[in-house]
Amino acid sequence: MWLFFQLIGFLYEQGSVMVISNLPFGRWGETFSADVVAAAMIDRLVHHAEVLTLTGDSYRTRQRRELLINRTAPNAVATESLAERASRQRAPAAAFSSD
């Protein structure tokens, strides 16, 4: 914790820093075990900063969810994907009539 705080303090207004976190700033105190340290670090990070907030599932979250679904109901997923494959491979209907 202190090493990261010192690094941020050292680089403050000296160089560029990119930090990626899955926690909102309001919960950084839980990670760094001191709200005062987290607040000081956030203050230095966001001063002159561009903060980008991404929403939605990450590809890892999506893959994990799909893996869990496949483990709980493998036959249903396999049957569904086989049916989808079969419908794509069907021959197109004839566009003429024999009248």
C-alpha atoms as a PDB file:
ATOM      1  CA  MET A   1       0.000   0.000   0.000  1.00  0.00           C
ATOM      2  CA  TRP A   2       2.629   2.544   0.998  1.00  0.00           C
ATOM      3  CA  LEU A   3       4.830   1.684  -1.959  1.00  0.00           C
ATOM      4  CA  PHE A   4       1.989   2.409  -4.406  1.00  0.00           C
ATOM      5  CA  PHE A   5       1.200   5.642  -2.557  1.00  0.00           C
ATOM      6  CA  GLN A   6       4.870   6.671  -2.738  1.00  0.00           C
ATOM      7  CA  LEU A   7       4.996   5.856  -6.451  1.00  0.00           C
ATOM      8  CA  ILE A   8       1.932   8.002  -7.134  1.00  0.00           C
ATOM      9  CA  GLY A   9       3.401  10.776  -4.978  1.00  0.00           C
ATOM     10  CA  PHE A  10       6.722  10.600  -6.830  1.00  0.00           C
ATOM     11  CA  LEU A  11       5.105  10.706 -10.267  1.00  0.00           C
ATOM     12  CA  TYR A  12       2.636  13.441  -9.292  1.00  0.00           C
ATOM     13  CA  GLU A  13       2.981  16.162 -11.964  1.00  0.00           C
ATOM     14  CA  GLN A  14       6.228  14.519 -13.158  1.00  0.00           C
ATOM     15  CA  GLY A  15       5.018  11.903 -15.608  1.00  0.00           C
ATOM     16  CA  SER A  16       2.060  10.004 -16.946  1.00  0.00           C
ATOM     17  CA  VAL A  17       0.294   7.318 -14.964  1.00  0.00           C
ATOM     18  CA  MET A  18      -2.433   4.954 -16.079  1.00  0.00           C
ATOM     19  CA  VAL A  19      -4.361   3.087 -13.401  1.00  0.00           C
ATOM     20  CA  ILE A  20      -7.044   0.522 -14.153  1.00  0.00           C
ATOM     21  CA  SER A  21      -9.350  -0.629 -11.394  1.00  0.00           C
ATOM     22  CA  ASN A  22     -12.572  -2.578 -11.101  1.00  0.00           C
ATOM     23  CA  LEU A  23     -13.479  -0.642  -7.940  1.00  0.00           C
ATOM     24  CA  PRO A  24     -15.047   2.809  -7.850  1.00  0.00           C
ATOM     25  CA  PHE A  25     -13.039   5.488  -6.048  1.00  0.00           C
ATOM     26  CA  GLY A  26     -15.434   5.307  -3.092  1.00  0.00           C
ATOM     27  CA  ARG A  27     -14.261   1.777  -2.303  1.00  0.00           C
ATOM     28  CA  TRP A  28     -10.501   2.358  -2.562  1.00  0.00           C
ATOM     29  CA  GLY A  29     -10.307   2.865   1.202  1.00  0.00           C
ATOM     30  CA  GLU A  30     -11.223  -0.815   1.641  1.00  0.00           C
ATOM     31  CA  THR A  31      -8.294  -1.877  -0.514  1.00  0.00           C
ATOM     32  CA  PHE A  32      -5.719   0.486   0.956  1.00  0.00           C
ATOM     33  CA  SER A  33      -7.015  -0.011   4.523  1.00  0.00           C
ATOM     34  CA  ALA A  34      -7.052   3.743   5.158  1.00  0.00           C
ATOM     35  CA  ASP A  35      -9.526   6.210   3.696  1.00  0.00           C
ATOM     36  CA  VAL A  36      -7.066   9.080   4.202  1.00  0.00           C
ATOM     37  CA  VAL A  37      -4.356   7.378   2.124  1.00  0.00           C
ATOM     38  CA  ALA A  38      -6.865   6.424  -0.577  1.00  0.00           C
ATOM     39  CA  ALA A  39      -8.243   9.974  -0.706  1.00  0.00           C
ATOM     40  CA  ALA A  40      -4.740  11.472  -1.029  1.00  0.00           C
ATOM     41  CA  MET A  41      -3.851   9.023  -3.795  1.00  0.00           C
ATOM     42  CA  ILE A  42      -7.101   9.657  -5.673  1.00  0.00           C
ATOM     43  CA  ASP A  43      -6.546  13.406  -5.335  1.00  0.00           C
ATOM     44  CA  ARG A  44      -3.130  13.120  -6.985  1.00  0.00           C
ATOM     45  CA  LEU A  45      -4.375  10.737  -9.667  1.00  0.00           C
ATOM     46  CA  VAL A  46      -7.386  12.759 -10.813  1.00  0.00           C
ATOM     47  CA  HIS A  47      -5.704  16.175 -10.750  1.00  0.00           C
ATOM     48  CA  HIS A  48      -5.160  17.064 -14.461  1.00  0.00           C
ATOM     49  CA  ALA A  49      -6.602  13.640 -15.368  1.00  0.00           C
ATOM     50  CA  GLU A  50      -8.992  12.142 -17.831  1.00  0.00           C
ATOM     51  CA  VAL A  51     -11.148   9.608 -15.992  1.00  0.00           C
ATOM     52  CA  LEU A  52     -12.819   7.041 -18.224  1.00  0.00           C
ATOM     53  CA  THR A  53     -15.601   4.921 -16.775  1.00  0.00           C
ATOM     54  CA  LEU A  54     -16.443   1.808 -18.721  1.00  0.00           C
ATOM     55  CA  THR A  55     -19.778   0.073 -18.245  1.00  0.00           C
ATOM     56  CA  GLY A  56     -21.015  -3.350 -19.194  1.00  0.00           C
ATOM     57  CA  ASP A  57     -19.454  -6.767 -18.933  1.00  0.00           C
ATOM     58  CA  SER A  58     -15.847  -7.320 -19.792  1.00  0.00           C
ATOM     59  CA  TYR A  59     -14.998 -10.154 -22.146  1.00  0.00           C
ATOM     60  CA  ARG A  60     -13.669 -12.138 -19.166  1.00  0.00           C
ATOM     61  CA  THR A  61     -16.955 -11.753 -17.297  1.00  0.00           C
ATOM     62  CA  ARG A  62     -18.899 -12.815 -20.382  1.00  0.00           C
ATOM     63  CA  GLN A  63     -16.660 -15.852 -20.948  1.00  0.00           C
ATOM     64  CA  ARG A  64     -16.940 -16.867 -17.290  1.00  0.00           C
ATOM     65  CA  ARG A  65     -20.744 -16.597 -17.370  1.00  0.00           C
ATOM     66  CA  GLU A  66     -20.907 -18.694 -20.559  1.00  0.00           C
ATOM     67  CA  LEU A  67     -18.595 -21.292 -19.009  1.00  0.00           C
ATOM     68  CA  LEU A  68     -20.793 -21.572 -15.931  1.00  0.00           C
ATOM     69  CA  ILE A  69     -23.929 -21.879 -18.073  1.00  0.00           C
ATOM     70  CA  ASN A  70     -22.295 -24.615 -20.156  1.00  0.00           C
ATOM     71  CA  ARG A  71     -21.305 -26.544 -17.024  1.00  0.00           C
ATOM     72  CA  THR A  72     -24.784 -26.425 -15.497  1.00  0.00           C
ATOM     73  CA  ALA A  73     -26.770 -27.298 -18.636  1.00  0.00           C
ATOM     74  CA  PRO A  74     -24.418 -28.776 -21.255  1.00  0.00           C
ATOM     75  CA  ASN A  75     -27.117 -30.775 -23.077  1.00  0.00           C
ATOM     76  CA  ALA A  76     -29.440 -27.790 -23.495  1.00  0.00           C
ATOM     77  CA  VAL A  77     -26.645 -25.624 -24.862  1.00  0.00           C
ATOM     78  CA  ALA A  78     -25.362 -28.395 -27.140  1.00  0.00           C
ATOM     79  CA  THR A  79     -28.856 -29.104 -28.462  1.00  0.00           C
ATOM     80  CA  GLU A  80     -29.463 -25.415 -29.078  1.00  0.00           C
ATOM     81  CA  SER A  81     -26.208 -24.964 -30.957  1.00  0.00           C
ATOM     82  CA  LEU A  82     -26.873 -28.104 -33.029  1.00  0.00           C
ATOM     83  CA  ALA A  83     -30.346 -26.796 -33.920  1.00  0.00           C
ATOM     84  CA  GLU A  84     -28.879 -23.430 -34.866  1.00  0.00           C
ATOM     85  CA  ARG A  85     -26.283 -25.137 -37.036  1.00  0.00           C
ATOM     86  CA  ALA A  86     -28.922 -27.281 -38.729  1.00  0.00           C
ATOM     87  CA  SER A  87     -31.095 -24.264 -39.532  1.00  0.00           C
ATOM     88  CA  ARG A  88     -28.163 -22.472 -41.146  1.00  0.00           C
ATOM     89  CA  GLN A  89     -27.266 -25.486 -43.269  1.00  0.00           C
ATOM     90  CA  ARG A  90     -30.758 -26.047 -44.689  1.00  0.00           C
ATOM     91  CA  ALA A  91     -31.146 -25.578 -48.418  1.00  0.00           C
ATOM     92  CA  PRO A  92     -32.943 -22.378 -49.388  1.00  0.00           C
ATOM     93  CA  ALA A  93     -36.568 -22.720 -50.474  1.00  0.00           C
ATOM     94  CA  ALA A  94     -37.297 -22.728 -54.196  1.00  0.00           C
ATOM     95  CA  ALA A  95     -38.257 -19.333 -55.588  1.00  0.00           C
ATOM     96  CA  PHE A  96     -40.487 -20.675 -58.373  1.00  0.00           C
ATOM     97  CA  SER A  97     -43.650 -22.747 -58.667  1.00  0.00           C
ATOM     98  CA  SER A  98     -44.543 -25.543 -61.063  1.00  0.00           C
ATOM     99  CA  ASP A  99     -48.053 -24.278 -61.919  1.00  0.00           C
END
